[in-house]
Amino acid sequence: MRRTLFVLALLAAACQAPGPTDAVAAPPAAAQAPLSLAADAPPPAEAGSVALEVLPQFKALTDDVTELNVLVRLTGTSDAPAQRPPLDLALVLDRSGSMRGDKMRDVKAAGLQLLEALGPSDRVTLLSYSDQVLTHAVRLPVDGQGREELRRALLAIEANGGTALGPATAEALDLLERAADDAGRTAHVMLLSDGLANVGEQRPDVLGARTAAGFRQGVTFSTLGVGVDYNEDLMTRLADAGGGRYHFIQSGQAVARVLDDELKGLVATVARGVELDLALPAGVELVKVFGYPTRQDDGRHSVRIGTLGARQVREVMIRLRLPMGRDGDVALGKIGLRYVDMPADGVAREAIAGLAVARAASADAMRQSEAPAVSVRVAEVESAEQLELAARAADRGDFAQAQGLLRVAIDDLRRKDMVAPSPKLKAQIAAFEEADGEMEGARASESGRKGYTKKLKSRAYESKKR
């Protein structure tokens, strides 16, 4: 049997750190020119705050294998800086009529708690929207006076009217993009809604393109859906395109916890504007990237990741289609990483990894080259896709199909766990069994069905983003 070969070389990493003046003026990583993925790229200058690993599911393949799963692991290697980067934070709150009562009270209370966790170097932009978008504060420092002004503005918000989610999205991004050239700050939007966009721009592709444009200007975008009557597909699209996260909040009482989780992630950020570039040779095709949006430009595929916290790990699963008639070892291209290094005063960094696999003489040799951790991650993301399909079937009222999809997935996960026992697979099995057990409650009412499908979609989303 031929010796299994796997070539993984970091060909380029951090750019040389510029002087202090250049560091402040450095553009956001996502707005820079494409990475140079040339074979003669210079050796890494320094590691920076993100470690890049590229791990194929198999290090050697037989000639008849036409697809390969590749895990790209990004790890925040730095500890959170002693003095965290300041925040430019936009809170965008739904004040439509459906927010009256407990929801609005819970949101205001959560907002007040969030203000107490911020400091004088942070700046808050506060907007609310119903039929119209109201701007209550623009990049107001959270010092003694600013905090009090923000408290008064937040408490004065009253719920009534429709849901101008699209115009509010555009306005928040417009305001933060004006200051996003400050590489030493983190600019982020949190948009909350409990209803369907029904005033102004409503097209998901247009709104997603707007948050994607914000990401390229250095502003990330997260969404918080409260209750069961909002469009979770739109909220997910906005967050994915904007390099942020989508959160499903079943009751207003959980808003404070989710805002706190978002803030903790932001203050621990060591890399922002994180994006991957895939340069694939002729004959190698990108099938999909699980859980992350991609765009194609001049034969390259870009994958928008967002931010990375200290010691945080992001595992991005990529599936490639390989050419038939391969002969010998196969070069599968290069994967580039770009990001803004926050502990290094906002220096823009790049790294590149090359990927190749060997030819396996037999199926047994291929199995021996398997990376078990990657196979477990493949099982996770594939089952998450099944969970999302089950959620969509339940959303249509086809509970029989939803239950069938769940039970097929459970059986498949159990078989894989028997072959390679894994705590992650056991946790996935438990989640699917819980979803199966909750289905009867979803059948009982319209609100039960809506809550059930949003919960399942949220679970699938979190699993693919893990």
Protein backbone atom coordinates (compact mmCIF):
# COMPACT_ATOMS: atom_id res chain seq x y z
CA MET A 1 0.00 0.00 0.00
CA ARG A 2 1.29 3.40 -0.88
CA ARG A 3 2.16 5.66 1.96
CA THR A 4 -0.64 8.10 2.65
CA LEU A 5 0.39 11.63 1.88
CA PHE A 6 -1.29 14.76 3.06
CA VAL A 7 0.17 18.12 2.29
CA LEU A 8 -0.88 21.04 4.42
CA ALA A 9 1.39 24.05 4.30
CA LEU A 10 0.74 27.50 5.62
CA LEU A 11 2.14 29.48 2.73
CA ALA A 12 1.42 32.97 4.00
CA ALA A 13 0.16 34.41 7.23
CA ALA A 14 0.24 37.83 8.75
CA CYS A 15 1.26 40.90 6.83
CA GLN A 16 4.03 42.87 8.55
CA ALA A 17 2.48 45.10 11.15
CA PRO A 18 2.32 48.71 9.97
CA GLY A 19 3.14 51.68 12.11
CA PRO A 20 0.52 53.10 14.48
CA THR A 21 -0.80 55.59 11.94
CA ASP A 22 -1.22 52.92 9.25
CA ALA A 23 -2.91 50.56 11.69
CA VAL A 24 -5.69 53.04 12.39
CA ALA A 25 -6.14 53.74 8.69
CA ALA A 26 -6.14 50.09 7.60
CA PRO A 27 -9.35 49.21 5.74
CA PRO A 28 -11.58 46.40 6.99
CA ALA A 29 -10.24 43.02 5.87
CA ALA A 30 -13.40 42.15 3.95
CA ALA A 31 -13.04 45.32 1.85
CA GLN A 32 -9.48 44.61 0.70
CA ALA A 33 -8.32 43.20 -2.62
CA PRO A 34 -8.56 39.39 -3.06
CA LEU A 35 -5.86 37.31 -1.44
CA SER A 36 -2.92 36.34 -3.60
CA LEU A 37 -3.11 32.55 -3.77
CA ALA A 38 -0.02 32.19 -5.92
CA ALA A 39 2.21 29.19 -5.31
CA ASP A 40 5.20 31.46 -4.64
CA ALA A 41 3.49 33.32 -1.78
CA PRO A 42 5.99 34.43 0.91
CA PRO A 43 6.41 32.47 4.14
CA PRO A 44 4.37 33.55 7.16
CA ALA A 45 5.64 36.62 8.98
CA GLU A 46 3.83 35.86 12.24
CA ALA A 47 0.88 33.80 13.39
CA GLY A 48 -1.45 36.60 14.45
CA SER A 49 -4.57 35.95 16.53
CA VAL A 50 -6.13 33.20 14.39
CA ALA A 51 -4.84 29.69 13.69
CA LEU A 52 -5.93 28.10 10.39
CA GLU A 53 -6.17 24.33 9.93
CA VAL A 54 -7.43 22.50 6.85
CA LEU A 55 -8.36 18.86 7.49
CA PRO A 56 -9.75 16.48 4.83
CA GLN A 57 -12.04 13.67 5.92
CA PHE A 58 -9.65 11.25 4.17
CA LYS A 59 -5.98 11.86 3.50
CA ALA A 60 -5.98 9.37 0.62
CA LEU A 61 -8.74 8.56 -1.85
CA THR A 62 -9.48 5.74 -4.26
CA ASP A 63 -9.99 6.73 -7.89
CA ASP A 64 -13.77 6.22 -7.81
CA VAL A 65 -14.41 8.75 -5.00
CA THR A 66 -15.94 11.91 -6.47
CA GLU A 67 -16.59 14.00 -3.34
CA LEU A 68 -14.46 14.99 -0.37
CA ASN A 69 -15.45 16.76 2.84
CA VAL A 70 -12.89 19.25 4.17
CA LEU A 71 -12.99 20.80 7.63
CA VAL A 72 -11.57 24.30 7.99
CA ARG A 73 -10.90 24.98 11.66
CA LEU A 74 -10.35 28.55 12.82
CA THR A 75 -9.14 29.09 16.39
CA GLY A 76 -8.73 32.36 18.24
CA THR A 77 -5.22 31.89 19.56
CA SER A 78 -5.00 35.07 21.62
CA ASP A 79 -6.45 35.68 25.03
CA ALA A 80 -8.95 38.51 25.22
CA PRO A 81 -6.93 41.73 25.51
CA ALA A 82 -6.72 43.25 28.97
CA GLN A 83 -8.26 46.39 27.53
CA ARG A 84 -10.91 45.25 25.10
CA PRO A 85 -11.48 47.06 21.81
CA PRO A 86 -14.20 49.72 22.06
CA LEU A 87 -17.60 49.00 20.53
CA ASP A 88 -19.75 50.89 18.08
CA LEU A 89 -23.06 49.20 18.79
CA ALA A 90 -26.40 49.88 17.10
CA LEU A 91 -29.55 48.64 18.86
CA VAL A 92 -32.47 48.49 16.42
CA LEU A 93 -35.75 47.76 18.22
CA ASP A 94 -39.12 46.78 16.78
CA ARG A 95 -41.81 49.06 18.26
CA SER A 96 -44.70 47.81 16.08
CA GLY A 97 -48.10 47.26 17.69
CA SER A 98 -47.42 43.57 18.33
CA MET A 99 -44.64 44.56 20.75
CA ARG A 100 -47.07 46.16 23.21
CA GLY A 101 -47.14 44.92 26.78
CA ASP A 102 -44.73 42.37 28.21
CA LYS A 103 -42.51 42.14 25.12
CA MET A 104 -41.70 45.84 25.11
CA ARG A 105 -41.16 45.88 28.87
CA ASP A 106 -38.79 42.92 28.61
CA VAL A 107 -36.88 44.52 25.74
CA LYS A 108 -36.49 47.81 27.60
CA ALA A 109 -35.28 46.03 30.73
CA ALA A 110 -32.77 44.05 28.66
CA GLY A 111 -31.57 47.23 26.97
CA LEU A 112 -31.01 48.91 30.33
CA GLN A 113 -28.94 45.94 31.50
CA LEU A 114 -26.89 46.10 28.33
CA LEU A 115 -26.11 49.79 28.85
CA GLU A 116 -24.78 49.05 32.33
CA ALA A 117 -22.29 46.57 30.85
CA LEU A 118 -20.82 49.16 28.45
CA GLY A 119 -18.21 51.79 29.21
CA PRO A 120 -17.17 55.35 28.24
CA SER A 121 -15.10 54.17 25.26
CA ASP A 122 -18.16 52.42 23.76
CA ARG A 123 -20.67 54.23 21.55
CA VAL A 124 -24.33 53.32 21.12
CA THR A 125 -26.69 54.14 18.28
CA LEU A 126 -30.34 53.59 19.22
CA LEU A 127 -33.09 53.23 16.61
CA SER A 128 -36.66 51.98 16.77
CA TYR A 129 -39.09 51.24 13.97
CA SER A 130 -42.78 50.74 13.28
CA ASP A 131 -44.26 52.47 10.20
CA GLN A 132 -41.29 54.85 10.38
CA VAL A 133 -37.73 54.61 11.64
CA LEU A 134 -36.87 56.85 14.58
CA THR A 135 -33.25 57.66 15.42
CA HIS A 136 -32.97 58.26 19.18
CA ALA A 137 -29.16 58.47 19.47
CA VAL A 138 -26.21 58.33 17.11
CA ARG A 139 -22.86 56.96 18.33
CA LEU A 140 -23.38 58.36 21.80
CA PRO A 141 -20.51 57.60 24.24
CA VAL A 142 -21.69 55.50 27.17
CA ASP A 143 -20.26 57.79 29.83
CA GLY A 144 -22.34 59.19 32.69
CA GLN A 145 -24.25 61.72 30.59
CA GLY A 146 -24.55 59.49 27.54
CA ARG A 147 -25.81 56.54 29.54
CA GLU A 148 -28.54 58.69 31.09
CA GLU A 149 -29.59 60.06 27.69
CA LEU A 150 -29.76 56.53 26.29
CA ARG A 151 -31.78 55.33 29.29
CA ARG A 152 -34.33 58.12 28.80
CA ALA A 153 -34.59 57.48 25.06
CA LEU A 154 -35.04 53.73 25.57
CA LEU A 155 -37.72 54.12 28.23
CA ALA A 156 -39.67 56.59 26.07
CA ILE A 157 -40.15 54.15 23.16
CA GLU A 158 -43.82 53.23 22.66
CA ALA A 159 -45.20 50.39 20.54
CA ASN A 160 -47.64 51.04 17.67
CA GLY A 161 -47.97 50.67 13.89
CA GLY A 162 -46.35 48.39 11.32
CA THR A 163 -42.90 46.87 10.80
CA ALA A 164 -40.41 48.86 8.69
CA LEU A 165 -37.65 46.31 9.20
CA GLY A 166 -36.00 46.96 5.84
CA PRO A 167 -35.64 50.75 6.23
CA ALA A 168 -34.40 50.26 9.82
CA THR A 169 -31.74 47.83 8.61
CA ALA A 170 -30.51 50.30 6.00
CA GLU A 171 -30.51 53.25 8.41
CA ALA A 172 -28.52 51.41 11.10
CA LEU A 173 -25.89 50.29 8.60
CA ASP A 174 -25.65 53.75 7.06
CA LEU A 175 -24.92 55.25 10.48
CA LEU A 176 -22.29 52.69 11.53
CA GLU A 177 -20.53 52.47 8.17
CA ARG A 178 -19.58 56.13 8.45
CA ALA A 179 -17.23 55.27 11.31
CA ALA A 180 -16.22 51.74 10.33
CA ASP A 181 -12.84 52.88 8.98
CA ASP A 182 -11.58 52.96 12.57
CA ALA A 183 -9.88 49.55 12.56
CA GLY A 184 -9.44 49.55 16.34
CA ARG A 185 -13.20 49.46 17.02
CA THR A 186 -15.80 46.72 16.60
CA ALA A 187 -18.92 47.89 14.75
CA HIS A 188 -22.00 45.73 15.21
CA VAL A 189 -25.78 45.94 14.72
CA MET A 190 -28.33 44.04 16.80
CA LEU A 191 -31.80 44.09 15.24
CA LEU A 192 -34.81 42.77 17.15
CA SER A 193 -38.23 41.97 15.68
CA ASP A 194 -41.33 40.00 16.58
CA GLY A 195 -43.21 40.39 13.30
CA LEU A 196 -43.17 40.32 9.52
CA ALA A 197 -41.59 43.16 7.55
CA ASN A 198 -44.52 45.00 5.95
CA VAL A 199 -43.35 48.59 5.40
CA GLY A 200 -40.67 49.64 2.90
CA GLU A 201 -38.20 47.19 1.38
CA GLN A 202 -39.15 43.57 2.14
CA ARG A 203 -37.30 41.45 -0.43
CA PRO A 204 -34.90 39.04 1.34
CA ASP A 205 -32.31 39.17 -1.45
CA VAL A 206 -32.17 42.97 -1.37
CA LEU A 207 -31.98 43.15 2.42
CA GLY A 208 -29.38 40.38 2.56
CA ALA A 209 -27.29 42.22 -0.03
CA ARG A 210 -27.44 45.32 2.19
CA THR A 211 -26.10 43.53 5.28
CA ALA A 212 -23.43 41.86 3.11
CA ALA A 213 -22.36 45.31 1.91
CA GLY A 214 -22.17 46.39 5.56
CA PHE A 215 -19.92 43.44 6.34
CA ARG A 216 -17.57 44.49 3.55
CA GLN A 217 -17.41 47.92 5.21
CA GLY A 218 -16.53 46.43 8.60
CA VAL A 219 -20.00 46.25 10.22
CA THR A 220 -21.42 42.92 11.39
CA PHE A 221 -25.15 42.30 11.80
CA SER A 222 -27.05 40.01 14.19
CA THR A 223 -30.80 39.41 14.43
CA LEU A 224 -33.04 38.50 17.36
CA GLY A 225 -36.45 37.04 16.58
CA VAL A 226 -38.94 37.20 19.45
CA GLY A 227 -42.04 35.00 19.63
CA VAL A 228 -43.44 32.92 16.77
CA ASP A 229 -44.78 35.40 14.21
CA TYR A 230 -41.63 36.76 12.54
CA ASN A 231 -39.93 35.46 9.38
CA GLU A 232 -37.02 33.36 10.62
CA ASP A 233 -35.73 32.74 7.10
CA LEU A 234 -35.36 36.49 6.53
CA MET A 235 -33.74 37.01 9.93
CA THR A 236 -31.30 34.17 9.28
CA ARG A 237 -30.42 35.58 5.87
CA LEU A 238 -29.72 39.05 7.26
CA ALA A 239 -27.44 37.66 9.97
CA ASP A 240 -25.58 35.25 7.70
CA ALA A 241 -24.98 37.88 5.03
CA GLY A 242 -23.87 40.35 7.70
CA GLY A 243 -21.40 37.98 9.35
CA GLY A 244 -23.39 37.86 12.61
CA ARG A 245 -25.74 35.42 14.33
CA TYR A 246 -29.45 34.73 14.33
CA HIS A 247 -31.18 34.08 17.67
CA PHE A 248 -34.60 32.56 18.26
CA ILE A 249 -36.15 33.96 21.46
CA GLN A 250 -39.38 32.20 22.37
CA SER A 251 -40.37 34.66 25.10
CA GLY A 252 -39.44 38.26 25.87
CA GLN A 253 -37.95 37.21 29.19
CA ALA A 254 -35.01 35.63 27.35
CA VAL A 255 -34.05 38.85 25.52
CA ALA A 256 -31.68 39.94 28.30
CA ARG A 257 -29.79 36.63 28.20
CA VAL A 258 -29.36 36.75 24.42
CA LEU A 259 -28.20 40.37 24.46
CA ASP A 260 -25.73 39.48 27.19
CA ASP A 261 -24.43 36.52 25.15
CA GLU A 262 -24.01 38.75 22.10
CA LEU A 263 -22.13 41.34 24.14
CA LYS A 264 -19.82 38.76 25.71
CA GLY A 265 -18.95 37.53 22.24
CA LEU A 266 -18.25 41.06 21.03
CA VAL A 267 -16.01 42.07 23.93
CA ALA A 268 -13.95 38.87 23.57
CA THR A 269 -13.41 39.46 19.83
CA VAL A 270 -9.83 38.95 18.65
CA ALA A 271 -10.62 38.90 14.92
CA ARG A 272 -13.31 40.65 12.91
CA GLY A 273 -14.13 40.69 9.21
CA VAL A 274 -13.13 37.00 9.11
CA GLU A 275 -13.52 35.58 5.61
CA LEU A 276 -12.26 32.55 3.69
CA ASP A 277 -11.24 32.48 0.02
CA LEU A 278 -11.30 29.21 -1.93
CA ALA A 279 -9.18 28.98 -5.10
CA LEU A 280 -9.92 25.64 -6.74
CA PRO A 281 -8.06 24.17 -9.72
CA ALA A 282 -9.76 23.12 -12.94
CA GLY A 283 -11.92 20.06 -12.42
CA VAL A 284 -12.48 20.65 -8.69
CA GLU A 285 -15.88 22.16 -7.84
CA LEU A 286 -17.40 23.55 -4.67
CA VAL A 287 -20.55 21.57 -3.83
CA LYS A 288 -21.50 23.52 -0.71
CA VAL A 289 -20.34 25.16 2.48
CA PHE A 290 -22.55 24.01 5.35
CA GLY A 291 -24.11 26.84 7.32
CA TYR A 292 -22.24 29.80 5.82
CA PRO A 293 -23.07 32.04 2.84
CA THR A 294 -20.73 32.09 -0.14
CA ARG A 295 -20.22 34.31 -3.13
CA GLN A 296 -18.30 33.65 -6.32
CA ASP A 297 -16.08 36.16 -8.07
CA ASP A 298 -13.54 35.51 -10.84
CA GLY A 299 -13.52 31.79 -10.17
CA ARG A 300 -12.98 32.16 -6.41
CA HIS A 301 -15.44 31.41 -3.67
CA SER A 302 -15.59 33.62 -0.60
CA VAL A 303 -17.09 32.40 2.68
CA ARG A 304 -18.24 35.03 5.17
CA ILE A 305 -17.47 33.97 8.77
CA GLY A 306 -17.81 37.17 10.82
CA THR A 307 -15.98 37.47 14.12
CA LEU A 308 -13.88 35.13 16.24
CA GLY A 309 -13.44 35.35 20.00
CA ALA A 310 -10.50 34.56 22.24
CA ARG A 311 -10.01 30.76 22.32
CA GLN A 312 -13.16 30.33 20.24
CA VAL A 313 -13.20 27.61 17.58
CA ARG A 314 -15.20 27.78 14.35
CA GLU A 315 -15.41 24.60 12.27
CA VAL A 316 -16.49 25.24 8.70
CA MET A 317 -17.41 22.14 6.68
CA ILE A 318 -16.79 22.32 2.94
CA ARG A 319 -17.73 19.69 0.35
CA LEU A 320 -15.74 19.46 -2.89
CA ARG A 321 -16.45 17.53 -6.09
CA LEU A 322 -13.34 15.91 -7.56
CA PRO A 323 -12.47 15.10 -11.17
CA MET A 324 -12.77 11.57 -12.50
CA GLY A 325 -9.76 9.83 -13.98
CA ARG A 326 -7.33 11.12 -11.38
CA ASP A 327 -3.80 9.76 -11.51
CA GLY A 328 -1.65 9.93 -8.39
CA ASP A 329 -1.69 12.64 -5.77
CA VAL A 330 -4.20 15.44 -6.34
CA ALA A 331 -3.81 19.13 -5.54
CA LEU A 332 -7.19 20.49 -4.48
CA GLY A 333 -6.37 24.17 -4.39
CA LYS A 334 -5.73 26.70 -1.68
CA ILE A 335 -7.79 28.17 1.14
CA GLY A 336 -7.05 31.73 2.15
CA LEU A 337 -7.98 33.46 5.39
CA ARG A 338 -8.35 37.21 5.90
CA TYR A 339 -9.26 39.11 9.05
CA VAL A 340 -8.63 42.21 11.14
CA ASP A 341 -6.45 41.40 14.17
CA MET A 342 -7.98 43.33 17.09
CA PRO A 343 -5.24 42.73 19.74
CA ALA A 344 -2.75 44.06 17.16
CA ASP A 345 -4.55 47.42 16.87
CA GLY A 346 -6.62 46.43 13.85
CA VAL A 347 -3.85 45.15 11.56
CA ALA A 348 -5.21 43.40 8.46
CA ARG A 349 -3.83 39.87 8.24
CA GLU A 350 -3.85 37.05 5.70
CA ALA A 351 -2.96 33.36 5.73
CA ILE A 352 -3.07 30.68 3.04
CA ALA A 353 -3.19 26.88 3.30
CA GLY A 354 -2.64 24.48 0.42
CA LEU A 355 -4.58 21.21 0.26
CA ALA A 356 -3.67 17.96 -1.50
CA VAL A 357 -4.57 14.30 -1.05
CA ALA A 358 -2.83 11.10 -2.06
CA ARG A 359 -4.13 8.22 -4.12
CA ALA A 360 -5.26 5.25 -2.01
CA ALA A 361 -4.41 1.82 -3.41
CA SER A 362 -7.57 0.29 -1.91
CA ALA A 363 -10.76 1.08 -0.04
CA ASP A 364 -9.13 -0.28 3.11
CA ALA A 365 -6.21 2.11 2.70
CA MET A 366 -8.64 4.97 2.29
CA ARG A 367 -10.51 3.99 5.47
CA GLN A 368 -7.23 3.89 7.39
CA SER A 369 -6.55 7.49 6.32
CA GLU A 370 -9.85 8.75 7.75
CA ALA A 371 -9.88 11.64 10.23
CA PRO A 372 -12.55 10.57 12.78
CA ALA A 373 -13.13 14.08 14.13
CA VAL A 374 -13.95 15.30 10.63
CA SER A 375 -16.34 12.40 10.04
CA VAL A 376 -18.18 13.26 13.27
CA ARG A 377 -18.50 16.87 12.15
CA VAL A 378 -19.83 15.70 8.77
CA ALA A 379 -22.47 13.65 10.56
CA GLU A 380 -23.45 16.69 12.63
CA VAL A 381 -23.95 19.04 9.72
CA GLU A 382 -25.69 16.46 7.55
CA SER A 383 -28.14 15.65 10.32
CA ALA A 384 -28.67 19.38 10.90
CA GLU A 385 -29.78 19.65 7.28
CA GLN A 386 -32.23 16.80 7.90
CA LEU A 387 -33.52 18.65 10.95
CA GLU A 388 -34.13 21.76 8.86
CA LEU A 389 -35.98 19.71 6.24
CA ALA A 390 -38.14 18.23 9.01
CA ALA A 391 -38.87 21.74 10.29
CA ARG A 392 -39.97 22.88 6.84
CA ALA A 393 -42.20 19.84 6.44
CA ALA A 394 -43.84 20.58 9.81
CA ASP A 395 -44.24 24.22 8.76
CA ARG A 396 -46.29 22.99 5.78
CA GLY A 397 -48.38 20.87 8.11
CA ASP A 398 -46.86 17.61 6.81
CA PHE A 399 -46.07 16.11 10.19
CA ALA A 400 -45.82 12.58 8.81
CA GLN A 401 -42.93 13.56 6.57
CA ALA A 402 -41.33 15.58 9.38
CA GLN A 403 -41.45 12.61 11.72
CA GLY A 404 -40.11 10.28 9.05
CA LEU A 405 -37.14 12.57 8.41
CA LEU A 406 -36.37 12.80 12.12
CA ARG A 407 -36.48 9.05 12.66
CA VAL A 408 -34.31 8.30 9.63
CA ALA A 409 -31.77 10.80 10.95
CA ILE A 410 -31.87 9.27 14.43
CA ASP A 411 -31.24 5.78 13.04
CA ASP A 412 -28.36 7.07 10.90
CA LEU A 413 -26.76 8.88 13.84
CA ARG A 414 -27.08 5.80 16.04
CA ARG A 415 -25.32 3.64 13.43
CA LYS A 416 -22.49 6.16 13.14
CA ASP A 417 -22.19 6.40 16.92
CA MET A 418 -21.90 2.61 17.17
CA VAL A 419 -19.01 2.61 14.69
CA ALA A 420 -17.25 5.63 16.22
CA PRO A 421 -18.72 6.55 19.63
CA SER A 422 -18.79 10.28 20.14
CA PRO A 423 -20.30 12.62 22.78
CA LYS A 424 -21.18 15.01 19.96
CA LEU A 425 -23.18 12.37 18.13
CA LYS A 426 -24.93 11.34 21.35
CA ALA A 427 -25.90 14.95 21.96
CA GLN A 428 -27.25 15.18 18.41
CA ILE A 429 -29.27 11.99 18.91
CA ALA A 430 -30.76 13.38 22.13
CA ALA A 431 -31.74 16.62 20.37
CA PHE A 432 -33.47 14.71 17.57
CA GLU A 433 -35.30 12.45 20.01
CA GLU A 434 -36.50 15.54 21.87
CA ALA A 435 -37.73 17.03 18.60
CA ASP A 436 -39.59 13.81 17.81
CA GLY A 437 -41.22 13.83 21.24
CA GLU A 438 -42.31 17.48 20.91
CA MET A 439 -44.15 16.94 17.64
CA GLU A 440 -47.52 16.14 19.19
CA GLY A 441 -47.57 19.53 20.87
CA ALA A 442 -46.83 21.15 17.52
CA ARG A 443 -49.90 19.50 15.99
CA ALA A 444 -52.21 20.94 18.61
CA SER A 445 -52.30 24.60 17.50
CA GLU A 446 -51.07 27.12 14.97
CA SER A 447 -48.87 28.85 17.54
CA GLY A 448 -47.52 25.47 18.65
CA ARG A 449 -46.57 24.62 15.06
CA LYS A 450 -44.86 27.99 14.54
CA GLY A 451 -42.87 27.72 17.76
CA TYR A 452 -41.89 24.13 16.99
CA THR A 453 -40.61 24.88 13.49
CA LYS A 454 -38.67 27.95 14.63
CA LYS A 455 -37.06 25.92 17.41
CA LEU A 456 -36.01 23.16 15.01
CA LYS A 457 -34.62 25.61 12.47
CA SER A 458 -32.71 27.36 15.25
CA ARG A 459 -31.21 24.05 16.42
CA ALA A 460 -30.14 23.22 12.87
CA TYR A 461 -28.65 26.68 12.43
CA GLU A 462 -26.63 26.46 15.64
CA SER A 463 -25.37 22.98 14.77
CA LYS A 464 -24.09 24.05 11.37
CA LYS A 465 -22.47 27.19 12.82
CA ARG A 466 -20.73 25.37 15.66
